[in-house]
Amino acid sequence: MGTILNDAVVRVGFPWWMRPFLWRDVVALTIGRRVWISPQARDVDSLIRHEMVHVRQMGEMGVLPFLWKYLLCYLRNRRRGMGHHAAYLAIPYEVEAFAAERAEHL
């Protein structure tokens, strides 16, 4: 089991079944109230602030609606001509999460 933080379970390392679906530069992933963080992650406190925003977003919207809207935002950004990284950074849910990541504390 991982650490429980604000009703979310935070684990270090990705489960075996998830690894084939992750890009190499992924340092954390959240699904519902489950958060997985790469053992290579650096600023873990900032990263947890970021992921806790996604926990809240999914709690408010529901996991599947959140994931669907997240994917649609990413695809819309790609259709607008953005590269992968720019399209990811422009997803509104990521904009909010990165703002929380830069905050000083939870």
PDB file of N, CA and C in Angstrom:
ATOM      1  N   MET A   1       0.834  -1.184   0.000  1.00  0.00           N
ATOM      2  CA  MET A   1       0.000   0.000   0.000  1.00  0.00           C
ATOM      3  C   MET A   1       0.878   1.247   0.000  1.00  0.00           C
ATOM      4  N   GLY A   2       0.349   2.338  -0.475  1.00  0.00           N
ATOM      5  CA  GLY A   2       1.105   3.579  -0.512  1.00  0.00           C
ATOM      6  C   GLY A   2       0.700   4.506   0.618  1.00  0.00           C
ATOM      7  N   THR A   3       1.143   5.717   0.532  1.00  0.00           N
ATOM      8  CA  THR A   3       0.816   6.749   1.510  1.00  0.00           C
ATOM      9  C   THR A   3      -0.558   7.320   1.207  1.00  0.00           C
ATOM     10  N   ILE A   4      -1.381   7.529   2.217  1.00  0.00           N
ATOM     11  CA  ILE A   4      -2.703   8.119   2.024  1.00  0.00           C
ATOM     12  C   ILE A   4      -2.604   9.609   2.321  1.00  0.00           C
ATOM     13  N   LEU A   5      -3.025  10.417   1.354  1.00  0.00           N
ATOM     14  CA  LEU A   5      -2.940  11.869   1.458  1.00  0.00           C
ATOM     15  C   LEU A   5      -4.229  12.468   0.923  1.00  0.00           C
ATOM     16  N   ASN A   6      -4.985  13.142   1.788  1.00  0.00           N
ATOM     17  CA  ASN A   6      -6.254  13.749   1.363  1.00  0.00           C
ATOM     18  C   ASN A   6      -7.157  12.744   0.649  1.00  0.00           C
ATOM     19  N   ASP A   7      -7.296  11.569   1.215  1.00  0.00           N
ATOM     20  CA  ASP A   7      -8.121  10.483   0.664  1.00  0.00           C
ATOM     21  C   ASP A   7      -7.573   9.906  -0.640  1.00  0.00           C
ATOM     22  N   ALA A   8      -6.383  10.280  -1.034  1.00  0.00           N
ATOM     23  CA  ALA A   8      -5.753   9.703  -2.228  1.00  0.00           C
ATOM     24  C   ALA A   8      -4.640   8.757  -1.774  1.00  0.00           C
ATOM     25  N   VAL A   9      -4.422   7.723  -2.543  1.00  0.00           N
ATOM     26  CA  VAL A   9      -3.334   6.793  -2.265  1.00  0.00           C
ATOM     27  C   VAL A   9      -2.194   7.115  -3.220  1.00  0.00           C
ATOM     28  N   VAL A  10      -1.038   7.438  -2.661  1.00  0.00           N
ATOM     29  CA  VAL A  10       0.133   7.816  -3.457  1.00  0.00           C
ATOM     30  C   VAL A  10       1.146   6.685  -3.371  1.00  0.00           C
ATOM     31  N   ARG A  11       1.548   6.175  -4.527  1.00  0.00           N
ATOM     32  CA  ARG A  11       2.516   5.094  -4.585  1.00  0.00           C
ATOM     33  C   ARG A  11       3.719   5.514  -5.418  1.00  0.00           C
ATOM     34  N   VAL A  12       4.872   5.025  -5.045  1.00  0.00           N
ATOM     35  CA  VAL A  12       6.083   5.255  -5.832  1.00  0.00           C
ATOM     36  C   VAL A  12       6.253   4.060  -6.755  1.00  0.00           C
ATOM     37  N   GLY A  13       6.430   4.344  -8.043  1.00  0.00           N
ATOM     38  CA  GLY A  13       6.563   3.299  -9.051  1.00  0.00           C
ATOM     39  C   GLY A  13       5.232   3.040  -9.736  1.00  0.00           C
ATOM     40  N   PHE A  14       5.303   2.680 -11.000  1.00  0.00           N
ATOM     41  CA  PHE A  14       4.105   2.391 -11.785  1.00  0.00           C
ATOM     42  C   PHE A  14       3.863   0.891 -11.795  1.00  0.00           C
ATOM     43  N   PRO A  15       2.604   0.464 -11.755  1.00  0.00           N
ATOM     44  CA  PRO A  15       2.332  -0.973 -11.829  1.00  0.00           C
ATOM     45  C   PRO A  15       2.744  -1.529 -13.192  1.00  0.00           C
ATOM     46  N   TRP A  16       3.060  -2.801 -13.234  1.00  0.00           N
ATOM     47  CA  TRP A  16       3.551  -3.445 -14.457  1.00  0.00           C
ATOM     48  C   TRP A  16       2.602  -3.260 -15.628  1.00  0.00           C
ATOM     49  N   TRP A  17       1.287  -3.318 -15.380  1.00  0.00           N
ATOM     50  CA  TRP A  17       0.311  -3.253 -16.464  1.00  0.00           C
ATOM     51  C   TRP A  17       0.195  -1.855 -17.064  1.00  0.00           C
ATOM     52  N   MET A  18       0.656  -0.835 -16.329  1.00  0.00           N
ATOM     53  CA  MET A  18       0.555   0.543 -16.800  1.00  0.00           C
ATOM     54  C   MET A  18       1.771   0.946 -17.645  1.00  0.00           C
ATOM     55  N   ARG A  19       2.913   0.368 -17.356  1.00  0.00           N
ATOM     56  CA  ARG A  19       4.170   0.801 -17.987  1.00  0.00           C
ATOM     57  C   ARG A  19       4.152   0.798 -19.520  1.00  0.00           C
ATOM     58  N   PRO A  20       3.554  -0.197 -20.182  1.00  0.00           N
ATOM     59  CA  PRO A  20       3.569  -0.159 -21.662  1.00  0.00           C
ATOM     60  C   PRO A  20       2.823   1.029 -22.267  1.00  0.00           C
ATOM     61  N   PHE A  21       1.945   1.670 -21.500  1.00  0.00           N
ATOM     62  CA  PHE A  21       1.127   2.760 -22.019  1.00  0.00           C
ATOM     63  C   PHE A  21       1.684   4.147 -21.710  1.00  0.00           C
ATOM     64  N   LEU A  22       2.794   4.216 -20.979  1.00  0.00           N
ATOM     65  CA  LEU A  22       3.347   5.498 -20.552  1.00  0.00           C
ATOM     66  C   LEU A  22       4.448   5.981 -21.478  1.00  0.00           C
ATOM     67  N   TRP A  23       4.442   7.292 -21.763  1.00  0.00           N
ATOM     68  CA  TRP A  23       5.573   7.883 -22.457  1.00  0.00           C
ATOM     69  C   TRP A  23       6.764   7.873 -21.519  1.00  0.00           C
ATOM     70  N   ARG A  24       7.952   7.929 -22.060  1.00  0.00           N
ATOM     71  CA  ARG A  24       9.167   7.844 -21.243  1.00  0.00           C
ATOM     72  C   ARG A  24       9.308   8.956 -20.222  1.00  0.00           C
ATOM     73  N   ASP A  25       8.824  10.150 -20.542  1.00  0.00           N
ATOM     74  CA  ASP A  25       9.028  11.283 -19.650  1.00  0.00           C
ATOM     75  C   ASP A  25       7.929  11.449 -18.592  1.00  0.00           C
ATOM     76  N   VAL A  26       7.021  10.497 -18.485  1.00  0.00           N
ATOM     77  CA  VAL A  26       5.951  10.584 -17.487  1.00  0.00           C
ATOM     78  C   VAL A  26       6.545  10.378 -16.099  1.00  0.00           C
ATOM     79  N   VAL A  27       6.318  11.339 -15.204  1.00  0.00           N
ATOM     80  CA  VAL A  27       6.838  11.220 -13.839  1.00  0.00           C
ATOM     81  C   VAL A  27       5.731  10.940 -12.830  1.00  0.00           C
ATOM     82  N   ALA A  28       4.475  11.101 -13.228  1.00  0.00           N
ATOM     83  CA  ALA A  28       3.367  10.788 -12.327  1.00  0.00           C
ATOM     84  C   ALA A  28       2.103  10.585 -13.151  1.00  0.00           C
ATOM     85  N   LEU A  29       1.188   9.835 -12.578  1.00  0.00           N
ATOM     86  CA  LEU A  29      -0.090   9.583 -13.234  1.00  0.00           C
ATOM     87  C   LEU A  29      -1.148   9.421 -12.161  1.00  0.00           C
ATOM     88  N   THR A  30      -2.313  10.002 -12.411  1.00  0.00           N
ATOM     89  CA  THR A  30      -3.426   9.926 -11.463  1.00  0.00           C
ATOM     90  C   THR A  30      -4.637   9.350 -12.159  1.00  0.00           C
ATOM     91  N   ILE A  31      -5.268   8.395 -11.510  1.00  0.00           N
ATOM     92  CA  ILE A  31      -6.551   7.860 -11.960  1.00  0.00           C
ATOM     93  C   ILE A  31      -7.437   7.805 -10.723  1.00  0.00           C
ATOM     94  N   GLY A  32      -8.438   8.659 -10.710  1.00  0.00           N
ATOM     95  CA  GLY A  32      -9.323   8.723  -9.546  1.00  0.00           C
ATOM     96  C   GLY A  32      -8.561   9.225  -8.333  1.00  0.00           C
ATOM     97  N   ARG A  33      -8.550   8.423  -7.274  1.00  0.00           N
ATOM     98  CA  ARG A  33      -7.821   8.796  -6.061  1.00  0.00           C
ATOM     99  C   ARG A  33      -6.505   8.042  -5.940  1.00  0.00           C
ATOM    100  N   ARG A  34      -6.063   7.425  -7.012  1.00  0.00           N
ATOM    101  CA  ARG A  34      -4.799   6.693  -7.028  1.00  0.00           C
ATOM    102  C   ARG A  34      -3.757   7.506  -7.789  1.00  0.00           C
ATOM    103  N   VAL A  35      -2.615   7.715  -7.154  1.00  0.00           N
ATOM    104  CA  VAL A  35      -1.522   8.493  -7.752  1.00  0.00           C
ATOM    105  C   VAL A  35      -0.281   7.618  -7.755  1.00  0.00           C
ATOM    106  N   TRP A  36       0.362   7.534  -8.906  1.00  0.00           N
ATOM    107  CA  TRP A  36       1.625   6.811  -9.037  1.00  0.00           C
ATOM    108  C   TRP A  36       2.707   7.815  -9.411  1.00  0.00           C
ATOM    109  N   ILE A  37       3.817   7.741  -8.722  1.00  0.00           N
ATOM    110  CA  ILE A  37       4.935   8.658  -8.965  1.00  0.00           C
ATOM    111  C   ILE A  37       6.167   7.842  -9.329  1.00  0.00           C
ATOM    112  N   SER A  38       6.869   8.280 -10.340  1.00  0.00           N
ATOM    113  CA  SER A  38       8.086   7.607 -10.774  1.00  0.00           C
ATOM    114  C   SER A  38       9.143   7.661  -9.676  1.00  0.00           C
ATOM    115  N   PRO A  39       9.902   6.586  -9.504  1.00  0.00           N
ATOM    116  CA  PRO A  39      11.020   6.629  -8.554  1.00  0.00           C
ATOM    117  C   PRO A  39      12.073   7.669  -8.944  1.00  0.00           C
ATOM    118  N   GLN A  40      12.106   8.083 -10.215  1.00  0.00           N
ATOM    119  CA  GLN A  40      13.066   9.081 -10.679  1.00  0.00           C
ATOM    120  C   GLN A  40      12.566  10.510 -10.510  1.00  0.00           C
ATOM    121  N   ALA A  41      11.349  10.697  -9.996  1.00  0.00           N
ATOM    122  CA  ALA A  41      10.789  12.043  -9.829  1.00  0.00           C
ATOM    123  C   ALA A  41      11.664  12.856  -8.891  1.00  0.00           C
ATOM    124  N   ARG A  42      11.809  14.129  -9.196  1.00  0.00           N
ATOM    125  CA  ARG A  42      12.681  14.992  -8.394  1.00  0.00           C
ATOM    126  C   ARG A  42      11.922  15.738  -7.314  1.00  0.00           C
ATOM    127  N   ASP A  43      11.242  16.799  -7.638  1.00  0.00           N
ATOM    128  CA  ASP A  43      10.563  17.622  -6.630  1.00  0.00           C
ATOM    129  C   ASP A  43       9.208  16.992  -6.307  1.00  0.00           C
ATOM    130  N   VAL A  44       9.229  16.001  -5.437  1.00  0.00           N
ATOM    131  CA  VAL A  44       8.036  15.199  -5.155  1.00  0.00           C
ATOM    132  C   VAL A  44       6.930  16.037  -4.505  1.00  0.00           C
ATOM    133  N   ASP A  45       7.266  16.972  -3.638  1.00  0.00           N
ATOM    134  CA  ASP A  45       6.240  17.806  -3.005  1.00  0.00           C
ATOM    135  C   ASP A  45       5.450  18.600  -4.052  1.00  0.00           C
ATOM    136  N   SER A  46       6.149  19.209  -4.992  1.00  0.00           N
ATOM    137  CA  SER A  46       5.477  19.950  -6.070  1.00  0.00           C
ATOM    138  C   SER A  46       4.640  19.020  -6.929  1.00  0.00           C
ATOM    139  N   LEU A  47       5.190  17.878  -7.209  1.00  0.00           N
ATOM    140  CA  LEU A  47       4.499  16.890  -8.032  1.00  0.00           C
ATOM    141  C   LEU A  47       3.219  16.412  -7.345  1.00  0.00           C
ATOM    142  N   ILE A  48       3.267  16.202  -6.055  1.00  0.00           N
ATOM    143  CA  ILE A  48       2.066  15.786  -5.326  1.00  0.00           C
ATOM    144  C   ILE A  48       1.019  16.893  -5.355  1.00  0.00           C
ATOM    145  N   ARG A  49       1.434  18.157  -5.218  1.00  0.00           N
ATOM    146  CA  ARG A  49       0.465  19.258  -5.344  1.00  0.00           C
ATOM    147  C   ARG A  49      -0.220  19.213  -6.706  1.00  0.00           C
ATOM    148  N   HIS A  50       0.565  18.976  -7.745  1.00  0.00           N
ATOM    149  CA  HIS A  50       0.035  18.878  -9.107  1.00  0.00           C
ATOM    150  C   HIS A  50      -0.982  17.740  -9.198  1.00  0.00           C
ATOM    151  N   GLU A  51      -0.602  16.584  -8.732  1.00  0.00           N
ATOM    152  CA  GLU A  51      -1.471  15.407  -8.858  1.00  0.00           C
ATOM    153  C   GLU A  51      -2.714  15.514  -7.990  1.00  0.00           C
ATOM    154  N   MET A  52      -2.625  16.192  -6.841  1.00  0.00           N
ATOM    155  CA  MET A  52      -3.804  16.372  -5.991  1.00  0.00           C
ATOM    156  C   MET A  52      -4.864  17.224  -6.693  1.00  0.00           C
ATOM    157  N   VAL A  53      -4.435  18.126  -7.567  1.00  0.00           N
ATOM    158  CA  VAL A  53      -5.400  18.887  -8.365  1.00  0.00           C
ATOM    159  C   VAL A  53      -6.162  17.929  -9.273  1.00  0.00           C
ATOM    160  N   HIS A  54      -5.455  16.983  -9.881  1.00  0.00           N
ATOM    161  CA  HIS A  54      -6.137  16.007 -10.743  1.00  0.00           C
ATOM    162  C   HIS A  54      -7.070  15.110  -9.927  1.00  0.00           C
ATOM    163  N   VAL A  55      -6.678  14.753  -8.706  1.00  0.00           N
ATOM    164  CA  VAL A  55      -7.570  13.973  -7.834  1.00  0.00           C
ATOM    165  C   VAL A  55      -8.864  14.757  -7.616  1.00  0.00           C
ATOM    166  N   ARG A  56      -8.729  16.054  -7.297  1.00  0.00           N
ATOM    167  CA  ARG A  56      -9.921  16.892  -7.090  1.00  0.00           C
ATOM    168  C   ARG A  56     -10.749  17.011  -8.362  1.00  0.00           C
ATOM    169  N   GLN A  57     -10.079  17.261  -9.498  1.00  0.00           N
ATOM    170  CA  GLN A  57     -10.792  17.411 -10.770  1.00  0.00           C
ATOM    171  C   GLN A  57     -11.600  16.152 -11.085  1.00  0.00           C
ATOM    172  N   MET A  58     -10.979  14.995 -10.907  1.00  0.00           N
ATOM    173  CA  MET A  58     -11.689  13.740 -11.187  1.00  0.00           C
ATOM    174  C   MET A  58     -12.801  13.494 -10.183  1.00  0.00           C
ATOM    175  N   GLY A  59     -12.594  13.905  -8.940  1.00  0.00           N
ATOM    176  CA  GLY A  59     -13.644  13.773  -7.936  1.00  0.00           C
ATOM    177  C   GLY A  59     -14.857  14.622  -8.273  1.00  0.00           C
ATOM    178  N   GLU A  60     -14.620  15.808  -8.797  1.00  0.00           N
ATOM    179  CA  GLU A  60     -15.715  16.705  -9.158  1.00  0.00           C
ATOM    180  C   GLU A  60     -16.428  16.280 -10.433  1.00  0.00           C
ATOM    181  N   MET A  61     -15.656  15.804 -11.416  1.00  0.00           N
ATOM    182  CA  MET A  61     -16.227  15.498 -12.730  1.00  0.00           C
ATOM    183  C   MET A  61     -16.582  14.031 -12.916  1.00  0.00           C
ATOM    184  N   GLY A  62     -15.944  13.171 -12.148  1.00  0.00           N
ATOM    185  CA  GLY A  62     -16.014  11.735 -12.401  1.00  0.00           C
ATOM    186  C   GLY A  62     -14.795  11.353 -13.228  1.00  0.00           C
ATOM    187  N   VAL A  63     -14.295  10.159 -13.004  1.00  0.00           N
ATOM    188  CA  VAL A  63     -13.048   9.746 -13.663  1.00  0.00           C
ATOM    189  C   VAL A  63     -13.206   9.683 -15.175  1.00  0.00           C
ATOM    190  N   LEU A  64     -14.194   8.956 -15.655  1.00  0.00           N
ATOM    191  CA  LEU A  64     -14.334   8.805 -17.108  1.00  0.00           C
ATOM    192  C   LEU A  64     -14.649  10.126 -17.826  1.00  0.00           C
ATOM    193  N   PRO A  65     -15.570  10.953 -17.310  1.00  0.00           N
ATOM    194  CA  PRO A  65     -15.773  12.251 -17.972  1.00  0.00           C
ATOM    195  C   PRO A  65     -14.509  13.103 -17.988  1.00  0.00           C
ATOM    196  N   PHE A  66     -13.756  13.081 -16.881  1.00  0.00           N
ATOM    197  CA  PHE A  66     -12.508  13.842 -16.843  1.00  0.00           C
ATOM    198  C   PHE A  66     -11.549  13.343 -17.918  1.00  0.00           C
ATOM    199  N   LEU A  67     -11.328  12.025 -17.963  1.00  0.00           N
ATOM    200  CA  LEU A  67     -10.377  11.470 -18.932  1.00  0.00           C
ATOM    201  C   LEU A  67     -10.815  11.763 -20.369  1.00  0.00           C
ATOM    202  N   TRP A  68     -12.111  11.688 -20.637  1.00  0.00           N
ATOM    203  CA  TRP A  68     -12.632  11.970 -21.974  1.00  0.00           C
ATOM    204  C   TRP A  68     -12.389  13.436 -22.348  1.00  0.00           C
ATOM    205  N   LYS A  69     -12.722  14.353 -21.448  1.00  0.00           N
ATOM    206  CA  LYS A  69     -12.533  15.781 -21.735  1.00  0.00           C
ATOM    207  C   LYS A  69     -11.054  16.133 -21.839  1.00  0.00           C
ATOM    208  N   TYR A  70     -10.242  15.490 -21.012  1.00  0.00           N
ATOM    209  CA  TYR A  70      -8.792  15.687 -21.059  1.00  0.00           C
ATOM    210  C   TYR A  70      -8.261  15.290 -22.438  1.00  0.00           C
ATOM    211  N   LEU A  71      -8.671  14.112 -22.893  1.00  0.00           N
ATOM    212  CA  LEU A  71      -8.241  13.622 -24.206  1.00  0.00           C
ATOM    213  C   LEU A  71      -8.725  14.549 -25.323  1.00  0.00           C
ATOM    214  N   LEU A  72      -9.970  14.989 -25.241  1.00  0.00           N
ATOM    215  CA  LEU A  72     -10.491  15.890 -26.272  1.00  0.00           C
ATOM    216  C   LEU A  72      -9.713  17.206 -26.323  1.00  0.00           C
ATOM    217  N   CYS A  73      -9.371  17.751 -25.158  1.00  0.00           N
ATOM    218  CA  CYS A  73      -8.576  18.986 -25.125  1.00  0.00           C
ATOM    219  C   CYS A  73      -7.215  18.770 -25.776  1.00  0.00           C
ATOM    220  N   TYR A  74      -6.582  17.652 -25.451  1.00  0.00           N
ATOM    221  CA  TYR A  74      -5.271  17.345 -26.032  1.00  0.00           C
ATOM    222  C   TYR A  74      -5.385  17.219 -27.550  1.00  0.00           C
ATOM    223  N   LEU A  75      -6.365  16.459 -28.028  1.00  0.00           N
ATOM    224  CA  LEU A  75      -6.529  16.270 -29.475  1.00  0.00           C
ATOM    225  C   LEU A  75      -6.856  17.578 -30.179  1.00  0.00           C
ATOM    226  N   ARG A  76      -7.661  18.416 -29.554  1.00  0.00           N
ATOM    227  CA  ARG A  76      -7.981  19.729 -30.129  1.00  0.00           C
ATOM    228  C   ARG A  76      -6.712  20.564 -30.271  1.00  0.00           C
ATOM    229  N   ASN A  77      -5.869  20.531 -29.243  1.00  0.00           N
ATOM    230  CA  ASN A  77      -4.606  21.270 -29.308  1.00  0.00           C
ATOM    231  C   ASN A  77      -3.704  20.729 -30.408  1.00  0.00           C
ATOM    232  N   ARG A  78      -3.677  19.419 -30.579  1.00  0.00           N
ATOM    233  CA  ARG A  78      -2.851  18.834 -31.653  1.00  0.00           C
ATOM    234  C   ARG A  78      -3.394  19.237 -33.017  1.00  0.00           C
ATOM    235  N   ARG A  79      -4.708  19.262 -33.160  1.00  0.00           N
ATOM    236  CA  ARG A  79      -5.310  19.668 -34.442  1.00  0.00           C
ATOM    237  C   ARG A  79      -5.014  21.127 -34.755  1.00  0.00           C
ATOM    238  N   ARG A  80      -4.780  21.911 -33.727  1.00  0.00           N
ATOM    239  CA  ARG A  80      -4.422  23.322 -33.913  1.00  0.00           C
ATOM    240  C   ARG A  80      -2.958  23.484 -34.295  1.00  0.00           C
ATOM    241  N   GLY A  81      -2.241  22.379 -34.404  1.00  0.00           N
ATOM    242  CA  GLY A  81      -0.860  22.421 -34.845  1.00  0.00           C
ATOM    243  C   GLY A  81       0.179  22.373 -33.742  1.00  0.00           C
ATOM    244  N   MET A  82      -0.251  22.198 -32.510  1.00  0.00           N
ATOM    245  CA  MET A  82       0.716  22.122 -31.411  1.00  0.00           C
ATOM    246  C   MET A  82       1.405  20.767 -31.397  1.00  0.00           C
ATOM    247  N   GLY A  83       2.675  20.771 -31.001  1.00  0.00           N
ATOM    248  CA  GLY A  83       3.383  19.522 -30.785  1.00  0.00           C
ATOM    249  C   GLY A  83       2.872  18.855 -29.517  1.00  0.00           C
ATOM    250  N   HIS A  84       3.356  17.636 -29.250  1.00  0.00           N
ATOM    251  CA  HIS A  84       2.884  16.876 -28.093  1.00  0.00           C
ATOM    252  C   HIS A  84       3.010  17.663 -26.788  1.00  0.00           C
ATOM    253  N   HIS A  85       4.197  18.174 -26.501  1.00  0.00           N
ATOM    254  CA  HIS A  85       4.434  18.833 -25.217  1.00  0.00           C
ATOM    255  C   HIS A  85       3.608  20.111 -25.074  1.00  0.00           C
ATOM    256  N   ALA A  86       3.560  20.920 -26.116  1.00  0.00           N
ATOM    257  CA  ALA A  86       2.771  22.156 -26.071  1.00  0.00           C
ATOM    258  C   ALA A  86       1.279  21.846 -25.913  1.00  0.00           C
ATOM    259  N   ALA A  87       0.812  20.808 -26.614  1.00  0.00           N
ATOM    260  CA  ALA A  87      -0.601  20.423 -26.507  1.00  0.00           C
ATOM    261  C   ALA A  87      -0.926  19.970 -25.094  1.00  0.00           C
ATOM    262  N   TYR A  88      -0.025  19.234 -24.476  1.00  0.00           N
ATOM    263  CA  TYR A  88      -0.191  18.784 -23.092  1.00  0.00           C
ATOM    264  C   TYR A  88      -0.227  19.973 -22.140  1.00  0.00           C
ATOM    265  N   LEU A  89       0.709  20.899 -22.277  1.00  0.00           N
ATOM    266  CA  LEU A  89       0.778  22.057 -21.379  1.00  0.00           C
ATOM    267  C   LEU A  89      -0.428  22.982 -21.517  1.00  0.00           C
ATOM    268  N   ALA A  90      -1.089  22.968 -22.675  1.00  0.00           N
ATOM    269  CA  ALA A  90      -2.226  23.848 -22.926  1.00  0.00           C
ATOM    270  C   ALA A  90      -3.562  23.253 -22.483  1.00  0.00           C
ATOM    271  N   ILE A  91      -3.580  22.016 -22.026  1.00  0.00           N
ATOM    272  CA  ILE A  91      -4.821  21.411 -21.528  1.00  0.00           C
ATOM    273  C   ILE A  91      -5.228  22.185 -20.273  1.00  0.00           C
ATOM    274  N   PRO A  92      -6.451  22.706 -20.212  1.00  0.00           N
ATOM    275  CA  PRO A  92      -6.856  23.514 -19.060  1.00  0.00           C
ATOM    276  C   PRO A  92      -6.647  22.816 -17.706  1.00  0.00           C
ATOM    277  N   TYR A  93      -6.849  21.533 -17.650  1.00  0.00           N
ATOM    278  CA  TYR A  93      -6.653  20.794 -16.395  1.00  0.00           C
ATOM    279  C   TYR A  93      -5.180  20.795 -15.986  1.00  0.00           C
ATOM    280  N   GLU A  94      -4.296  20.775 -16.968  1.00  0.00           N
ATOM    281  CA  GLU A  94      -2.863  20.843 -16.676  1.00  0.00           C
ATOM    282  C   GLU A  94      -2.447  22.264 -16.287  1.00  0.00           C
ATOM    283  N   VAL A  95      -3.050  23.253 -16.909  1.00  0.00           N
ATOM    284  CA  VAL A  95      -2.742  24.646 -16.557  1.00  0.00           C
ATOM    285  C   VAL A  95      -3.032  24.862 -15.071  1.00  0.00           C
ATOM    286  N   GLU A  96      -4.188  24.380 -14.618  1.00  0.00           N
ATOM    287  CA  GLU A  96      -4.552  24.507 -13.206  1.00  0.00           C
ATOM    288  C   GLU A  96      -3.603  23.705 -12.314  1.00  0.00           C
ATOM    289  N   ALA A  97      -3.257  22.493 -12.730  1.00  0.00           N
ATOM    290  CA  ALA A  97      -2.377  21.640 -11.926  1.00  0.00           C
ATOM    291  C   ALA A  97      -0.965  22.224 -11.836  1.00  0.00           C
ATOM    292  N   PHE A  98      -0.447  22.767 -12.934  1.00  0.00           N
ATOM    293  CA  PHE A  98       0.891  23.365 -12.889  1.00  0.00           C
ATOM    294  C   PHE A  98       0.903  24.621 -12.013  1.00  0.00           C
ATOM    295  N   ALA A  99      -0.209  25.354 -11.985  1.00  0.00           N
ATOM    296  CA  ALA A  99      -0.294  26.515 -11.088  1.00  0.00           C
ATOM    297  C   ALA A  99      -0.207  26.052  -9.633  1.00  0.00           C
ATOM    298  N   ALA A 100      -0.881  24.973  -9.298  1.00  0.00           N
ATOM    299  CA  ALA A 100      -0.820  24.435  -7.934  1.00  0.00           C
ATOM    300  C   ALA A 100       0.572  23.891  -7.629  1.00  0.00           C
ATOM    301  N   GLU A 101       1.207  23.320  -8.633  1.00  0.00           N
ATOM    302  CA  GLU A 101       2.560  22.769  -8.458  1.00  0.00           C
ATOM    303  C   GLU A 101       3.536  23.876  -8.036  1.00  0.00           C
ATOM    304  N   ARG A 102       3.334  25.065  -8.583  1.00  0.00           N
ATOM    305  CA  ARG A 102       4.219  26.189  -8.265  1.00  0.00           C
ATOM    306  C   ARG A 102       3.899  26.825  -6.918  1.00  0.00           C
ATOM    307  N   ALA A 103       2.744  26.484  -6.331  1.00  0.00           N
ATOM    308  CA  ALA A 103       2.364  27.032  -5.017  1.00  0.00           C
ATOM    309  C   ALA A 103       3.306  26.480  -3.958  1.00  0.00           C
ATOM    310  N   GLU A 104       3.335  27.117  -2.803  1.00  0.00           N
ATOM    311  CA  GLU A 104       4.314  26.741  -1.770  1.00  0.00           C
ATOM    312  C   GLU A 104       3.904  25.555  -0.936  1.00  0.00           C
ATOM    313  N   HIS A 105       2.625  25.309  -0.744  1.00  0.00           N
ATOM    314  CA  HIS A 105       2.198  24.182   0.086  1.00  0.00           C
ATOM    315  C   HIS A 105       0.802  23.743  -0.288  1.00  0.00           C
ATOM    316  N   LEU A 106       0.415  22.542   0.188  1.00  0.00           N
ATOM    317  CA  LEU A 106      -0.921  21.993  -0.098  1.00  0.00           C
ATOM    318  C   LEU A 106      -2.010  22.810   0.556  1.00  0.00           C
TER     319      LEU A 106
END
